[in-house]
C-alpha atoms as a PDB file:
ATOM      1  CA  MET A   1       0.819  -1.472  -9.402  1.00  0.00           C
ATOM      2  CA  LEU A   2       2.795  -2.317  -6.256  1.00  0.00           C
ATOM      3  CA  VAL A   3       4.580  -5.190  -7.961  1.00  0.00           C
ATOM      4  CA  ALA A   4       5.121  -3.259 -11.215  1.00  0.00           C
ATOM      5  CA  THR A   5       6.809  -0.363  -9.386  1.00  0.00           C
ATOM      6  CA  GLY A   6       8.919  -2.648  -7.175  1.00  0.00           C
ATOM      7  CA  VAL A   7       7.224  -1.647  -3.920  1.00  0.00           C
ATOM      8  CA  ALA A   8       6.230  -5.285  -3.324  1.00  0.00           C
ATOM      9  CA  ASP A   9       7.974  -8.467  -4.467  1.00  0.00           C
ATOM     10  CA  SER A  10       4.778 -10.376  -5.281  1.00  0.00           C
ATOM     11  CA  ARG A  11       1.013 -10.014  -5.362  1.00  0.00           C
ATOM     12  CA  ASN A  12       0.743 -11.867  -2.067  1.00  0.00           C
ATOM     13  CA  GLY A  13       3.348  -9.552  -0.576  1.00  0.00           C
ATOM     14  CA  ALA A  14       1.369  -6.556  -1.834  1.00  0.00           C
ATOM     15  CA  ARG A  15      -1.824  -7.887  -0.213  1.00  0.00           C
ATOM     16  CA  ARG A  16       0.044  -8.411   3.063  1.00  0.00           C
ATOM     17  CA  LEU A  17       1.453  -4.858   3.000  1.00  0.00           C
ATOM     18  CA  LEU A  18      -2.003  -3.434   2.295  1.00  0.00           C
ATOM     19  CA  GLY A  19      -3.589  -5.504   5.054  1.00  0.00           C
ATOM     20  CA  GLU A  20      -0.991  -4.298   7.553  1.00  0.00           C
ATOM     21  CA  GLY A  21      -1.593  -0.659   6.611  1.00  0.00           C
ATOM     22  CA  GLY A  22       1.931  -0.199   5.258  1.00  0.00           C
ATOM     23  CA  ILE A  23       0.973   1.435   1.952  1.00  0.00           C
ATOM     24  CA  SER A  24      -0.133   4.988   1.275  1.00  0.00           C
ATOM     25  CA  LEU A  25      -1.202   6.583  -1.986  1.00  0.00           C
ATOM     26  CA  ASN A  26      -0.678  10.341  -2.186  1.00  0.00           C
ATOM     27  CA  ASN A  27      -0.204  10.413   1.617  1.00  0.00           C
ATOM     28  CA  VAL A  28      -3.494   8.576   2.290  1.00  0.00           C
ATOM     29  CA  LYS A  29      -3.409   5.071   3.778  1.00  0.00           C
ATOM     30  CA  VAL A  30      -4.814   2.335   1.537  1.00  0.00           C
ATOM     31  CA  ALA A  31      -6.070  -0.834   3.231  1.00  0.00           C
ATOM     32  CA  ASP A  32      -8.244  -2.397   0.506  1.00  0.00           C
ATOM     33  CA  PRO A  33      -6.266  -5.041  -1.438  1.00  0.00           C
ATOM     34  CA  GLU A  34      -8.777  -4.811  -4.296  1.00  0.00           C
ATOM     35  CA  TYR A  35      -8.321  -1.032  -4.781  1.00  0.00           C
ATOM     36  CA  VAL A  36      -7.692   0.020  -8.392  1.00  0.00           C
ATOM     37  CA  LEU A  37      -6.067   3.333  -9.304  1.00  0.00           C
ATOM     38  CA  VAL A  38      -8.408   5.780 -11.014  1.00  0.00           C
ATOM     39  CA  ASP A  39      -7.659   8.961 -12.974  1.00  0.00           C
ATOM     40  CA  SER A  40      -8.173  11.183  -9.928  1.00  0.00           C
ATOM     41  CA  ASP A  41      -5.339   9.344  -8.086  1.00  0.00           C
ATOM     42  CA  PHE A  42      -2.760  10.758 -10.485  1.00  0.00           C
ATOM     43  CA  LEU A  43      -1.464  14.174  -9.435  1.00  0.00           C
ATOM     44  CA  HIS A  44      -1.790  16.660 -12.312  1.00  0.00           C
ATOM     45  CA  GLY A  45      -2.935  13.689 -14.401  1.00  0.00           C
ATOM     46  CA  GLU A  46       0.613  12.309 -14.598  1.00  0.00           C
ATOM     47  CA  ALA A  47       1.929  10.519 -11.493  1.00  0.00           C
ATOM     48  CA  ALA A  48       0.783   8.971  -8.232  1.00  0.00           C
ATOM     49  CA  LEU A  49       3.006   8.888  -5.134  1.00  0.00           C
ATOM     50  CA  ILE A  50       3.145   5.426  -3.567  1.00  0.00           C
ATOM     51  CA  LYS A  51       4.860   4.955  -0.197  1.00  0.00           C
ATOM     52  CA  ARG A  52       5.799   1.829   1.739  1.00  0.00           C
ATOM     53  CA  GLY A  53       6.649   2.797   5.285  1.00  0.00           C
ATOM     54  CA  ARG A  54       8.647   5.983   5.777  1.00  0.00           C
ATOM     55  CA  LYS A  55      11.593   5.597   3.460  1.00  0.00           C
ATOM     56  CA  HIS A  56      10.476   3.682   0.358  1.00  0.00           C
ATOM     57  CA  GLN A  57       8.727   6.030  -2.111  1.00  0.00           C
ATOM     58  CA  VAL A  58       8.016   5.725  -5.826  1.00  0.00           C
ATOM     59  CA  ALA A  59       6.161   7.869  -8.326  1.00  0.00           C
ATOM     60  CA  ALA A  60       3.956   5.706 -10.530  1.00  0.00           C
ATOM     61  CA  ARG A  61       3.512   7.273 -13.938  1.00  0.00           C
ATOM     62  CA  ARG A  62       0.218   6.956 -15.753  1.00  0.00           C
ATOM     63  CA  ALA A  63       0.212   4.744 -18.848  1.00  0.00           C
ATOM     64  CA  VAL A  64      -0.659   6.562 -22.043  1.00  0.00           C
END
């Protein structure tokens, strides 16, 4: 999801960001590089807020 939304440039870059604690999902830090989004991660069943650091934020929409 990090690569698809443009938060990370590559899968290795996404793993590095997760390992460094630089990613949060709905304002909760995510450190597990194997974490998979589940239905409860999507706010109101539609979007999940993904943050990299303080300034880079994206809303990941759920695939239908």
